[in-house]
C-alpha atoms as a PDB file:
ATOM      1  CA  MET A   1      44.649  49.157   1.361  1.00  0.00           C
ATOM      2  CA  THR A   2      47.545  46.901   1.245  1.00  0.00           C
ATOM      3  CA  ALA A   3      48.007  43.365   0.099  1.00  0.00           C
ATOM      4  CA  PRO A   4      50.325  40.530   0.949  1.00  0.00           C
ATOM      5  CA  THR A   5      52.874  39.309  -1.513  1.00  0.00           C
ATOM      6  CA  LYS A   6      52.075  36.016  -3.190  1.00  0.00           C
ATOM      7  CA  PRO A   7      51.706  33.291  -2.162  1.00  0.00           C
ATOM      8  CA  SER A   8      50.665  34.576   1.286  1.00  0.00           C
ATOM      9  CA  HIS A   9      47.513  35.760   1.416  1.00  0.00           C
ATOM     10  CA  ASN A  10      40.019  47.073   7.331  1.00  0.00           C
ATOM     11  CA  GLY A  11      24.221  50.461   7.044  1.00  0.00           C
ATOM     12  CA  PRO A  12      23.362  47.050   6.957  1.00  0.00           C
ATOM     13  CA  THR A  13      22.505  45.032   9.975  1.00  0.00           C
ATOM     14  CA  ASP A  14      23.627  41.431   9.939  1.00  0.00           C
ATOM     15  CA  PRO A  15      20.428  39.447  10.465  1.00  0.00           C
ATOM     16  CA  ALA A  16      22.364  37.034  12.652  1.00  0.00           C
ATOM     17  CA  ALA A  17      22.857  39.829  15.182  1.00  0.00           C
ATOM     18  CA  VAL A  18      19.137  40.549  15.505  1.00  0.00           C
ATOM     19  CA  PRO A  19      17.120  38.411  17.948  1.00  0.00           C
ATOM     20  CA  SER A  20      14.273  36.658  16.218  1.00  0.00           C
ATOM     21  CA  ALA A  21      10.734  37.562  17.160  1.00  0.00           C
ATOM     22  CA  PRO A  22       8.627  35.027  19.065  1.00  0.00           C
ATOM     23  CA  THR A  23       6.845  32.596  16.763  1.00  0.00           C
ATOM     24  CA  THR A  24       3.175  33.383  16.305  1.00  0.00           C
ATOM     25  CA  PRO A  25       0.508  31.963  14.004  1.00  0.00           C
ATOM     26  CA  SER A  26       0.782  35.111  11.884  1.00  0.00           C
ATOM     27  CA  ALA A  27       4.525  34.714  11.346  1.00  0.00           C
ATOM     28  CA  PRO A  28       5.056  32.575   8.239  1.00  0.00           C
ATOM     29  CA  ALA A  29       7.943  30.183   8.001  1.00  0.00           C
ATOM     30  CA  THR A  30       9.465  32.300   5.232  1.00  0.00           C
ATOM     31  CA  ALA A  31      10.227  34.985   7.832  1.00  0.00           C
ATOM     32  CA  ALA A  32      12.842  32.749   9.472  1.00  0.00           C
ATOM     33  CA  PRO A  33      15.816  34.041   7.410  1.00  0.00           C
ATOM     34  CA  ALA A  34      15.462  37.432   9.131  1.00  0.00           C
ATOM     35  CA  ALA A  35      16.701  35.733  12.304  1.00  0.00           C
ATOM     36  CA  GLY A  36      20.047  35.028  10.710  1.00  0.00           C
ATOM     37  CA  PRO A  37      20.644  32.478   7.967  1.00  0.00           C
ATOM     38  CA  ALA A  38      24.120  31.098   7.711  1.00  0.00           C
ATOM     39  CA  VAL A  39      26.377  33.353   5.669  1.00  0.00           C
ATOM     40  CA  SER A  40      29.032  31.792   3.463  1.00  0.00           C
ATOM     41  CA  GLY A  41      31.611  33.660   1.478  1.00  0.00           C
ATOM     42  CA  GLU A  42      32.719  30.608  -0.480  1.00  0.00           C
ATOM     43  CA  PRO A  43      30.914  31.597  -3.724  1.00  0.00           C
ATOM     44  CA  LEU A  44      32.629  34.986  -3.573  1.00  0.00           C
ATOM     45  CA  HIS A  45      36.185  33.957  -2.732  1.00  0.00           C
ATOM     46  CA  SER A  46      37.474  32.525  -6.012  1.00  0.00           C
ATOM     47  CA  PRO A  47      36.094  35.203  -8.383  1.00  0.00           C
ATOM     48  CA  VAL A  48      37.301  38.066  -6.189  1.00  0.00           C
ATOM     49  CA  ILE A  49      40.748  36.557  -5.552  1.00  0.00           C
ATOM     50  CA  ASP A  50      41.164  35.649  -9.241  1.00  0.00           C
ATOM     51  CA  TRP A  51      40.229  39.202 -10.182  1.00  0.00           C
ATOM     52  CA  PHE A  52      42.766  40.535  -7.697  1.00  0.00           C
ATOM     53  CA  ASP A  53      45.509  38.307  -9.071  1.00  0.00           C
ATOM     54  CA  GLU A  54      44.964  39.930 -12.457  1.00  0.00           C
ATOM     55  CA  HIS A  55      44.193  43.527 -11.543  1.00  0.00           C
ATOM     56  CA  ALA A  56      45.974  44.331  -8.257  1.00  0.00           C
ATOM     57  CA  ARG A  57      47.984  47.534  -8.348  1.00  0.00           C
ATOM     58  CA  ASP A  58      51.745  47.275  -8.014  1.00  0.00           C
ATOM     59  CA  LEU A  59      52.245  49.298  -4.843  1.00  0.00           C
ATOM     60  CA  PRO A  60      55.549  49.501  -2.938  1.00  0.00           C
ATOM     61  CA  TRP A  61      54.119  48.209   0.340  1.00  0.00           C
ATOM     62  CA  ARG A  62      52.946  45.072  -1.470  1.00  0.00           C
ATOM     63  CA  ARG A  63      56.461  44.102  -2.501  1.00  0.00           C
ATOM     64  CA  PRO A  64      58.504  41.577  -0.483  1.00  0.00           C
ATOM     65  CA  GLU A  65      61.160  44.134   0.395  1.00  0.00           C
ATOM     66  CA  ALA A  66      58.622  46.321   2.203  1.00  0.00           C
ATOM     67  CA  GLY A  67      58.348  43.850   5.072  1.00  0.00           C
ATOM     68  CA  ALA A  68      56.036  44.250   8.030  1.00  0.00           C
ATOM     69  CA  TRP A  69      57.355  47.749   8.795  1.00  0.00           C
ATOM     70  CA  GLY A  70      56.544  48.940   5.289  1.00  0.00           C
ATOM     71  CA  VAL A  71      53.042  47.517   5.609  1.00  0.00           C
ATOM     72  CA  MET A  72      52.564  49.244   8.962  1.00  0.00           C
ATOM     73  CA  VAL A  73      53.775  52.602   7.650  1.00  0.00           C
ATOM     74  CA  SER A  74      51.441  52.355   4.665  1.00  0.00           C
ATOM     75  CA  GLU A  75      48.461  51.516   6.865  1.00  0.00           C
ATOM     76  CA  PHE A  76      49.042  54.592   9.028  1.00  0.00           C
ATOM     77  CA  MET A  77      49.412  56.816   5.976  1.00  0.00           C
ATOM     78  CA  LEU A  78      46.457  55.423   4.025  1.00  0.00           C
ATOM     79  CA  GLN A  79      43.894  56.141   6.724  1.00  0.00           C
ATOM     80  CA  GLN A  80      41.528  58.688   5.139  1.00  0.00           C
ATOM     81  CA  THR A  81      44.173  59.524   2.526  1.00  0.00           C
ATOM     82  CA  PRO A  82      44.243  58.392  -1.132  1.00  0.00           C
ATOM     83  CA  VAL A  83      47.070  56.284  -2.529  1.00  0.00           C
ATOM     84  CA  SER A  84      48.179  59.014  -4.934  1.00  0.00           C
ATOM     85  CA  ARG A  85      49.011  61.353  -2.049  1.00  0.00           C
ATOM     86  CA  VAL A  86      50.622  58.662   0.062  1.00  0.00           C
ATOM     87  CA  LEU A  87      53.027  57.247  -2.523  1.00  0.00           C
ATOM     88  CA  PRO A  88      55.690  60.012  -2.585  1.00  0.00           C
ATOM     89  CA  VAL A  89      55.651  60.483   1.192  1.00  0.00           C
ATOM     90  CA  TYR A  90      55.861  56.741   1.773  1.00  0.00           C
ATOM     91  CA  GLU A  91      58.876  56.399  -0.509  1.00  0.00           C
ATOM     92  CA  GLN A  92      60.697  59.255   1.238  1.00  0.00           C
ATOM     93  CA  TRP A  93      59.774  57.930   4.676  1.00  0.00           C
ATOM     94  CA  MET A  94      61.029  54.403   3.993  1.00  0.00           C
ATOM     95  CA  ALA A  95      64.253  55.694   2.451  1.00  0.00           C
ATOM     96  CA  ARG A  96      64.927  57.757   5.584  1.00  0.00           C
ATOM     97  CA  TRP A  97      63.596  55.298   8.173  1.00  0.00           C
ATOM     98  CA  PRO A  98      63.802  51.761   6.751  1.00  0.00           C
ATOM     99  CA  ARG A  99      63.370  50.197  10.213  1.00  0.00           C
ATOM    100  CA  PRO A 100      61.371  51.176  13.295  1.00  0.00           C
ATOM    101  CA  ALA A 101      64.556  51.862  15.260  1.00  0.00           C
ATOM    102  CA  ASP A 102      65.604  54.454  12.686  1.00  0.00           C
ATOM    103  CA  LEU A 103      62.431  56.429  13.285  1.00  0.00           C
ATOM    104  CA  ALA A 104      62.496  55.912  17.049  1.00  0.00           C
ATOM    105  CA  ALA A 105      65.979  57.473  17.181  1.00  0.00           C
ATOM    106  CA  GLU A 106      64.629  60.765  15.805  1.00  0.00           C
ATOM    107  CA  ALA A 107      62.604  63.414  17.616  1.00  0.00           C
ATOM    108  CA  PRO A 108      58.822  63.092  17.216  1.00  0.00           C
ATOM    109  CA  GLY A 109      58.806  66.456  15.492  1.00  0.00           C
ATOM    110  CA  GLU A 110      60.828  65.005  12.633  1.00  0.00           C
ATOM    111  CA  ALA A 111      58.035  62.511  12.002  1.00  0.00           C
ATOM    112  CA  VAL A 112      55.557  65.389  11.897  1.00  0.00           C
ATOM    113  CA  ARG A 113      57.840  67.296   9.526  1.00  0.00           C
ATOM    114  CA  ALA A 114      58.216  64.334   7.177  1.00  0.00           C
ATOM    115  CA  TRP A 115      54.468  63.713   7.242  1.00  0.00           C
ATOM    116  CA  GLY A 116      54.087  66.814   5.092  1.00  0.00           C
ATOM    117  CA  ARG A 117      50.559  67.522   3.933  1.00  0.00           C
ATOM    118  CA  LEU A 118      49.107  64.046   4.293  1.00  0.00           C
ATOM    119  CA  GLY A 119      46.658  65.394   6.845  1.00  0.00           C
ATOM    120  CA  TYR A 120      45.681  64.154  10.308  1.00  0.00           C
ATOM    121  CA  PRO A 121      49.295  64.640  11.510  1.00  0.00           C
ATOM    122  CA  ARG A 122      48.633  62.958  14.857  1.00  0.00           C
ATOM    123  CA  ARG A 123      49.111  59.768  12.862  1.00  0.00           C
ATOM    124  CA  ALA A 124      52.783  60.710  12.541  1.00  0.00           C
ATOM    125  CA  LEU A 125      53.154  60.962  16.313  1.00  0.00           C
ATOM    126  CA  ARG A 126      51.355  57.639  16.788  1.00  0.00           C
ATOM    127  CA  LEU A 127      53.583  55.946  14.247  1.00  0.00           C
ATOM    128  CA  HIS A 128      56.631  57.356  16.012  1.00  0.00           C
ATOM    129  CA  GLY A 129      55.308  56.044  19.321  1.00  0.00           C
ATOM    130  CA  ALA A 130      54.707  52.616  17.799  1.00  0.00           C
ATOM    131  CA  ALA A 131      58.236  52.582  16.374  1.00  0.00           C
ATOM    132  CA  ALA A 132      59.681  53.403  19.800  1.00  0.00           C
ATOM    133  CA  ALA A 133      57.661  50.622  21.427  1.00  0.00           C
ATOM    134  CA  ILE A 134      58.683  48.116  18.740  1.00  0.00           C
ATOM    135  CA  THR A 135      62.313  49.044  19.327  1.00  0.00           C
ATOM    136  CA  GLU A 136      62.032  48.718  23.105  1.00  0.00           C
ATOM    137  CA  ARG A 137      59.790  45.653  23.361  1.00  0.00           C
ATOM    138  CA  HIS A 138      60.471  43.628  20.228  1.00  0.00           C
ATOM    139  CA  GLY A 139      64.094  44.255  19.331  1.00  0.00           C
ATOM    140  CA  GLY A 140      63.156  46.506  16.437  1.00  0.00           C
ATOM    141  CA  ASP A 141      61.042  43.943  14.579  1.00  0.00           C
ATOM    142  CA  VAL A 142      57.327  44.489  14.014  1.00  0.00           C
ATOM    143  CA  PRO A 143      55.619  41.668  15.944  1.00  0.00           C
ATOM    144  CA  SER A 144      53.562  39.111  14.072  1.00  0.00           C
ATOM    145  CA  ASP A 145      51.265  38.287  16.975  1.00  0.00           C
ATOM    146  CA  HIS A 146      47.924  40.078  16.718  1.00  0.00           C
ATOM    147  CA  ALA A 147      47.703  40.720  20.465  1.00  0.00           C
ATOM    148  CA  ALA A 148      51.234  42.147  20.509  1.00  0.00           C
ATOM    149  CA  LEU A 149      50.333  44.451  17.629  1.00  0.00           C
ATOM    150  CA  LEU A 150      47.231  45.638  19.465  1.00  0.00           C
ATOM    151  CA  ALA A 151      49.327  46.400  22.533  1.00  0.00           C
ATOM    152  CA  LEU A 152      51.471  48.899  20.622  1.00  0.00           C
ATOM    153  CA  PRO A 153      50.603  52.579  21.140  1.00  0.00           C
ATOM    154  CA  GLY A 154      48.572  54.067  18.315  1.00  0.00           C
ATOM    155  CA  ILE A 155      47.520  50.660  16.955  1.00  0.00           C
ATOM    156  CA  GLY A 156      43.807  49.880  16.827  1.00  0.00           C
ATOM    157  CA  GLU A 157      41.889  46.804  15.760  1.00  0.00           C
ATOM    158  CA  TYR A 158      41.963  47.680  12.063  1.00  0.00           C
ATOM    159  CA  THR A 159      45.715  48.326  11.858  1.00  0.00           C
ATOM    160  CA  ALA A 160      46.577  45.259  13.936  1.00  0.00           C
ATOM    161  CA  ALA A 161      44.438  43.049  11.706  1.00  0.00           C
ATOM    162  CA  ALA A 162      45.816  44.641   8.525  1.00  0.00           C
ATOM    163  CA  VAL A 163      49.455  44.164   9.508  1.00  0.00           C
ATOM    164  CA  ALA A 164      48.892  40.613  10.749  1.00  0.00           C
ATOM    165  CA  SER A 165      47.055  39.742   7.539  1.00  0.00           C
ATOM    166  CA  PHE A 166      48.981  41.617   4.866  1.00  0.00           C
ATOM    167  CA  ALA A 167      52.479  41.280   6.330  1.00  0.00           C
ATOM    168  CA  HIS A 168      52.225  37.880   7.994  1.00  0.00           C
ATOM    169  CA  GLY A 169      49.507  36.103   5.998  1.00  0.00           C
ATOM    170  CA  GLN A 170      47.239  35.495   8.986  1.00  0.00           C
ATOM    171  CA  ARG A 171      43.475  35.013   9.087  1.00  0.00           C
ATOM    172  CA  HIS A 172      41.790  38.213  10.270  1.00  0.00           C
ATOM    173  CA  ALA A 173      38.803  40.280   9.210  1.00  0.00           C
ATOM    174  CA  VAL A 174      40.244  43.534   7.847  1.00  0.00           C
ATOM    175  CA  LEU A 175      37.448  46.083   7.670  1.00  0.00           C
ATOM    176  CA  ASP A 176      38.228  49.390   6.045  1.00  0.00           C
ATOM    177  CA  THR A 177      35.732  51.638   4.254  1.00  0.00           C
ATOM    178  CA  ASN A 178      36.218  49.863   0.933  1.00  0.00           C
ATOM    179  CA  VAL A 179      35.644  46.381   2.338  1.00  0.00           C
ATOM    180  CA  ARG A 180      32.624  47.507   4.317  1.00  0.00           C
ATOM    181  CA  ARG A 181      31.066  48.953   1.145  1.00  0.00           C
ATOM    182  CA  VAL A 182      31.683  45.741  -0.828  1.00  0.00           C
ATOM    183  CA  PHE A 183      30.086  43.620   1.889  1.00  0.00           C
ATOM    184  CA  ALA A 184      27.164  46.037   2.305  1.00  0.00           C
ATOM    185  CA  ARG A 185      26.324  45.819  -1.379  1.00  0.00           C
ATOM    186  CA  ALA A 186      27.244  42.263  -2.291  1.00  0.00           C
ATOM    187  CA  VAL A 187      25.875  40.528   0.798  1.00  0.00           C
ATOM    188  CA  THR A 188      23.490  42.822   2.650  1.00  0.00           C
ATOM    189  CA  GLY A 189      21.956  44.510  -0.388  1.00  0.00           C
ATOM    190  CA  VAL A 190      22.316  48.156   0.623  1.00  0.00           C
ATOM    191  CA  GLN A 191      24.235  50.921  -1.091  1.00  0.00           C
ATOM    192  CA  TYR A 192      26.383  52.076   1.827  1.00  0.00           C
ATOM    193  CA  PRO A 193      27.447  50.699   5.210  1.00  0.00           C
ATOM    194  CA  PRO A 194      26.750  52.624   8.437  1.00  0.00           C
ATOM    195  CA  ASN A 195      28.833  55.686   9.213  1.00  0.00           C
ATOM    196  CA  ALA A 196      30.687  53.757  11.921  1.00  0.00           C
ATOM    197  CA  THR A 197      31.644  50.089  11.900  1.00  0.00           C
ATOM    198  CA  THR A 198      29.115  47.960  13.778  1.00  0.00           C
ATOM    199  CA  ALA A 199      29.336  44.653  15.623  1.00  0.00           C
ATOM    200  CA  ALA A 200      27.082  43.168  12.934  1.00  0.00           C
ATOM    201  CA  GLU A 201      29.570  44.134  10.226  1.00  0.00           C
ATOM    202  CA  ARG A 202      32.427  42.537  12.158  1.00  0.00           C
ATOM    203  CA  LYS A 203      30.391  39.363  12.588  1.00  0.00           C
ATOM    204  CA  LEU A 204      29.594  39.284   8.880  1.00  0.00           C
ATOM    205  CA  ALA A 205      33.247  39.868   7.949  1.00  0.00           C
ATOM    206  CA  ARG A 206      34.338  36.954  10.129  1.00  0.00           C
ATOM    207  CA  ALA A 207      31.660  34.732   8.598  1.00  0.00           C
ATOM    208  CA  LEU A 208      32.916  35.549   5.102  1.00  0.00           C
ATOM    209  CA  LEU A 209      36.556  34.681   5.819  1.00  0.00           C
ATOM    210  CA  PRO A 210      37.997  31.628   4.064  1.00  0.00           C
ATOM    211  CA  ASP A 211      39.017  28.891   6.484  1.00  0.00           C
ATOM    212  CA  ASP A 212      42.712  28.683   5.663  1.00  0.00           C
ATOM    213  CA  GLU A 213      45.087  31.503   6.522  1.00  0.00           C
ATOM    214  CA  ALA A 214      46.628  32.034   3.092  1.00  0.00           C
ATOM    215  CA  SER A 215      43.267  32.330   1.354  1.00  0.00           C
ATOM    216  CA  ALA A 216      41.879  34.527   4.138  1.00  0.00           C
ATOM    217  CA  ALA A 217      44.778  36.974   3.838  1.00  0.00           C
ATOM    218  CA  ARG A 218      44.428  37.051   0.073  1.00  0.00           C
ATOM    219  CA  TRP A 219      40.653  37.558   0.389  1.00  0.00           C
ATOM    220  CA  ALA A 220      41.198  40.504   2.751  1.00  0.00           C
ATOM    221  CA  ALA A 221      43.468  42.211   0.249  1.00  0.00           C
ATOM    222  CA  ALA A 222      41.312  41.347  -2.754  1.00  0.00           C
ATOM    223  CA  SER A 223      38.020  42.572  -1.286  1.00  0.00           C
ATOM    224  CA  MET A 224      39.723  45.807  -0.268  1.00  0.00           C
ATOM    225  CA  GLU A 225      41.113  46.352  -3.761  1.00  0.00           C
ATOM    226  CA  LEU A 226      37.719  45.593  -5.287  1.00  0.00           C
ATOM    227  CA  GLY A 227      36.167  48.370  -3.221  1.00  0.00           C
ATOM    228  CA  ALA A 228      38.960  50.783  -4.109  1.00  0.00           C
ATOM    229  CA  LEU A 229      38.898  50.210  -7.869  1.00  0.00           C
ATOM    230  CA  VAL A 230      35.477  48.833  -8.883  1.00  0.00           C
ATOM    231  CA  CYS A 231      32.862  48.971  -6.120  1.00  0.00           C
ATOM    232  CA  THR A 232      33.568  52.627  -5.454  1.00  0.00           C
ATOM    233  CA  ALA A 233      31.452  55.019  -3.408  1.00  0.00           C
ATOM    234  CA  ARG A 234      30.332  56.802  -6.553  1.00  0.00           C
ATOM    235  CA  ASN A 235      30.137  55.677 -10.172  1.00  0.00           C
ATOM    236  CA  GLU A 236      30.661  52.027  -9.342  1.00  0.00           C
ATOM    237  CA  SER A 237      31.759  49.864 -12.296  1.00  0.00           C
ATOM    238  CA  CYS A 238      29.439  46.885 -12.002  1.00  0.00           C
ATOM    239  CA  HIS A 239      30.303  45.778 -15.547  1.00  0.00           C
ATOM    240  CA  ARG A 240      33.866  45.119 -14.325  1.00  0.00           C
ATOM    241  CA  CYS A 241      32.910  43.462 -11.062  1.00  0.00           C
ATOM    242  CA  PRO A 242      33.699  39.738 -10.760  1.00  0.00           C
ATOM    243  CA  ILE A 243      30.735  39.161  -8.442  1.00  0.00           C
ATOM    244  CA  ALA A 244      28.162  41.404 -10.117  1.00  0.00           C
ATOM    245  CA  ALA A 245      25.930  38.415 -10.856  1.00  0.00           C
ATOM    246  CA  GLN A 246      25.805  37.596  -7.132  1.00  0.00           C
ATOM    247  CA  CYS A 247      25.561  41.148  -5.748  1.00  0.00           C
ATOM    248  CA  ALA A 248      22.459  41.500  -3.592  1.00  0.00           C
ATOM    249  CA  TRP A 249      22.291  45.271  -4.102  1.00  0.00           C
ATOM    250  CA  ARG A 250      22.515  45.011  -7.884  1.00  0.00           C
ATOM    251  CA  LEU A 251      19.988  42.188  -8.020  1.00  0.00           C
ATOM    252  CA  ALA A 252      17.599  44.318  -5.955  1.00  0.00           C
ATOM    253  CA  GLY A 253      17.782  47.097  -8.545  1.00  0.00           C
ATOM    254  CA  LYS A 254      20.357  49.214  -6.688  1.00  0.00           C
ATOM    255  CA  PRO A 255      17.982  50.790  -4.149  1.00  0.00           C
ATOM    256  CA  ALA A 256      19.099  54.229  -3.031  1.00  0.00           C
ATOM    257  CA  HIS A 257      20.587  54.723   0.414  1.00  0.00           C
ATOM    258  CA  ASP A 258      17.840  55.391   2.943  1.00  0.00           C
ATOM    259  CA  GLY A 259      19.854  55.356   6.166  1.00  0.00           C
ATOM    260  CA  PRO A 260      21.354  58.251   8.128  1.00  0.00           C
ATOM    261  CA  PRO A 261      22.969  60.960   5.991  1.00  0.00           C
ATOM    262  CA  ARG A 262      26.497  60.091   4.993  1.00  0.00           C
ATOM    263  CA  ARG A 263      29.133  62.275   6.565  1.00  0.00           C
ATOM    264  CA  GLY A 264      30.740  64.708   4.182  1.00  0.00           C
ATOM    265  CA  GLN A 265      34.266  65.982   4.733  1.00  0.00           C
ATOM    266  CA  THR A 266      34.680  69.727   4.569  1.00  0.00           C
ATOM    267  CA  TYR A 267      38.035  71.456   4.838  1.00  0.00           C
ATOM    268  CA  ALA A 268      37.958  75.074   3.679  1.00  0.00           C
ATOM    269  CA  GLY A 269      37.581  77.456   6.585  1.00  0.00           C
ATOM    270  CA  THR A 270      37.726  74.759   9.240  1.00  0.00           C
ATOM    271  CA  ASP A 271      40.099  74.449  12.186  1.00  0.00           C
ATOM    272  CA  ARG A 272      41.737  71.594  10.269  1.00  0.00           C
ATOM    273  CA  GLN A 273      42.750  74.028   7.548  1.00  0.00           C
ATOM    274  CA  VAL A 274      44.122  76.495  10.093  1.00  0.00           C
ATOM    275  CA  ARG A 275      46.052  73.745  11.870  1.00  0.00           C
ATOM    276  CA  GLY A 276      47.522  72.656   8.556  1.00  0.00           C
ATOM    277  CA  ARG A 277      48.736  76.166   7.768  1.00  0.00           C
ATOM    278  CA  LEU A 278      50.285  76.600  11.197  1.00  0.00           C
ATOM    279  CA  LEU A 279      52.078  73.258  10.950  1.00  0.00           C
ATOM    280  CA  ALA A 280      53.328  74.125   7.465  1.00  0.00           C
ATOM    281  CA  VAL A 281      55.191  77.134   8.889  1.00  0.00           C
ATOM    282  CA  LEU A 282      56.772  75.004  11.610  1.00  0.00           C
ATOM    283  CA  ARG A 283      57.716  72.178   9.229  1.00  0.00           C
ATOM    284  CA  GLU A 284      59.524  74.567   6.911  1.00  0.00           C
ATOM    285  CA  ALA A 285      61.397  76.337   9.702  1.00  0.00           C
ATOM    286  CA  HIS A 286      64.850  75.231  10.846  1.00  0.00           C
ATOM    287  CA  GLY A 287      64.353  76.490  14.381  1.00  0.00           C
ATOM    288  CA  PRO A 288      61.745  77.954  16.721  1.00  0.00           C
ATOM    289  CA  VAL A 289      59.138  80.191  15.118  1.00  0.00           C
ATOM    290  CA  PRO A 290      57.849  83.442  16.672  1.00  0.00           C
ATOM    291  CA  GLN A 291      54.162  83.990  17.280  1.00  0.00           C
ATOM    292  CA  ALA A 292      54.095  86.749  14.676  1.00  0.00           C
ATOM    293  CA  ALA A 293      55.044  84.308  11.911  1.00  0.00           C
ATOM    294  CA  LEU A 294      52.140  82.065  12.869  1.00  0.00           C
ATOM    295  CA  ASP A 295      49.724  84.975  13.096  1.00  0.00           C
ATOM    296  CA  ARG A 296      50.276  85.775   9.434  1.00  0.00           C
ATOM    297  CA  VAL A 297      48.846  82.482   8.147  1.00  0.00           C
ATOM    298  CA  TRP A 298      45.232  83.086   9.239  1.00  0.00           C
ATOM    299  CA  HIS A 299      43.282  86.308   9.538  1.00  0.00           C
ATOM    300  CA  GLU A 300      40.802  85.370  12.268  1.00  0.00           C
ATOM    301  CA  PRO A 301      42.558  85.561  15.666  1.00  0.00           C
ATOM    302  CA  VAL A 302      40.102  83.524  17.755  1.00  0.00           C
ATOM    303  CA  GLN A 303      40.064  80.564  15.381  1.00  0.00           C
ATOM    304  CA  ARG A 304      43.821  80.812  14.911  1.00  0.00           C
ATOM    305  CA  ALA A 305      44.417  80.734  18.662  1.00  0.00           C
ATOM    306  CA  ARG A 306      42.034  77.819  19.077  1.00  0.00           C
ATOM    307  CA  ALA A 307      43.822  75.854  16.342  1.00  0.00           C
ATOM    308  CA  LEU A 308      47.237  76.565  17.846  1.00  0.00           C
ATOM    309  CA  ASP A 309      46.044  75.552  21.315  1.00  0.00           C
ATOM    310  CA  GLY A 310      44.734  72.320  19.823  1.00  0.00           C
ATOM    311  CA  LEU A 311      48.083  71.569  18.207  1.00  0.00           C
ATOM    312  CA  VAL A 312      49.831  72.115  21.520  1.00  0.00           C
ATOM    313  CA  ALA A 313      47.320  69.931  23.359  1.00  0.00           C
ATOM    314  CA  ASP A 314      47.793  67.156  20.782  1.00  0.00           C
ATOM    315  CA  GLY A 315      51.556  67.227  21.242  1.00  0.00           C
ATOM    316  CA  LEU A 316      52.175  68.372  17.682  1.00  0.00           C
ATOM    317  CA  VAL A 317      53.595  71.763  18.670  1.00  0.00           C
ATOM    318  CA  GLU A 318      55.827  72.652  21.607  1.00  0.00           C
ATOM    319  CA  PRO A 319      55.547  76.160  23.097  1.00  0.00           C
ATOM    320  CA  LEU A 320      58.737  77.811  24.300  1.00  0.00           C
ATOM    321  CA  ALA A 321      59.562  80.966  26.236  1.00  0.00           C
ATOM    322  CA  ASP A 322      59.224  84.391  24.647  1.00  0.00           C
ATOM    323  CA  GLY A 323      56.309  83.399  22.399  1.00  0.00           C
ATOM    324  CA  LEU A 324      58.269  80.871  20.316  1.00  0.00           C
ATOM    325  CA  TYR A 325      56.984  77.531  18.973  1.00  0.00           C
ATOM    326  CA  ARG A 326      58.598  74.455  17.433  1.00  0.00           C
ATOM    327  CA  LEU A 327      57.840  70.886  16.463  1.00  0.00           C
ATOM    328  CA  PRO A 328      58.168  68.524  19.464  1.00  0.00           C
ATOM    329  CA  LEU A 329      61.565  67.174  20.447  1.00  0.00           C
ATOM    330  CA  SER A 330      60.285  64.576  22.906  1.00  0.00           C
END
C-alpha cells in the first residue's frame, strides 16, 4: 500500500488463460471472446493516475526521505494490517533503525519487541533476516534488482515487486488484495477476486501495466490506493470512482459474489490470541520470564501449551533452563 514519490512512478478467471473449445457448427462467432480477447489497461490508466495525484494519502513511506528501506519496512508491516495501526510503529521503527544495518546489529528478539501488537510477529523476524542479508550481501543498501530482492530471506513475489516499483520506479505487477479487487470488478466484472491469487490474475495484471516504467510504477500505486479508499471490500464508493463508467461489475448491475465463501478472520479465543498474550508478557519483560508468569495469561492449559510450543517452533520465543523463556537473541 505504498506509492513512489513523484515523478517516479501487490474470483475471476482471465479468459486468456482458458483454452478455447473446439469450433463446432453450434458455436457462434460471438463466443470467441471467451477464449481471451486482448486486454488493454490504457483507458484506465489516465483517470486512475490523475485521481491518485489528487487524492493520494500523505504517508511517511511515500516521502523521498523514506528511501527503499522505508518502503520495505512499510510493506512488511502493512501485510494484513491497516495503515492506522502501522503508522506509529513504523515511525518508531525508522527512528530506531533508519538503515538495515542498524536493525541487523540488534538481536532478533528486539525486532519482535518493537513489532508490538501489529500481529503476525513472524514478519518481524523475517524483516530482521532480510536486514541482515542486505547488510552482508549488498553493503547495507536495499537492492534495486528484482531478482536480488527475491533472493533475500522473507521476501516473496509481492514484496519484491512492491519495493522495486514503489522505491525504484520499475515496471512490475504489484498485486495486493486492494489491487486484485479493483481488477476483479473493473475488468472481470465480479465482486471479489479468488481467495488466493491465481495465475490468471497475474496475467491480467501484467496485461494492464503501462508500457513505460514511470507510468507503470505510478499505476501500481494508484490502483492500490483506489482499492484502499474507494473500491473497498464493503460499502464501495462508486460515485467517487474515476473509472465507474468503465467498471464491468457496475455495468453488469453489481452481481453478488457467487464463488467460494470468502475467508473471515476470527481472533477471539484462537491460538493467535493466546500467542499474542504470551508474547506481550515477554515483550514487556526486561529479562527471562518464568513459566508461571506465562501461565497466568490464559486459563486453558492445553491451548496455552500449544501456543507456546508454536512460538518456540517459529523462533519467536527461546526456552531456557529452569522453565524460563525470553525473546530470541540469535
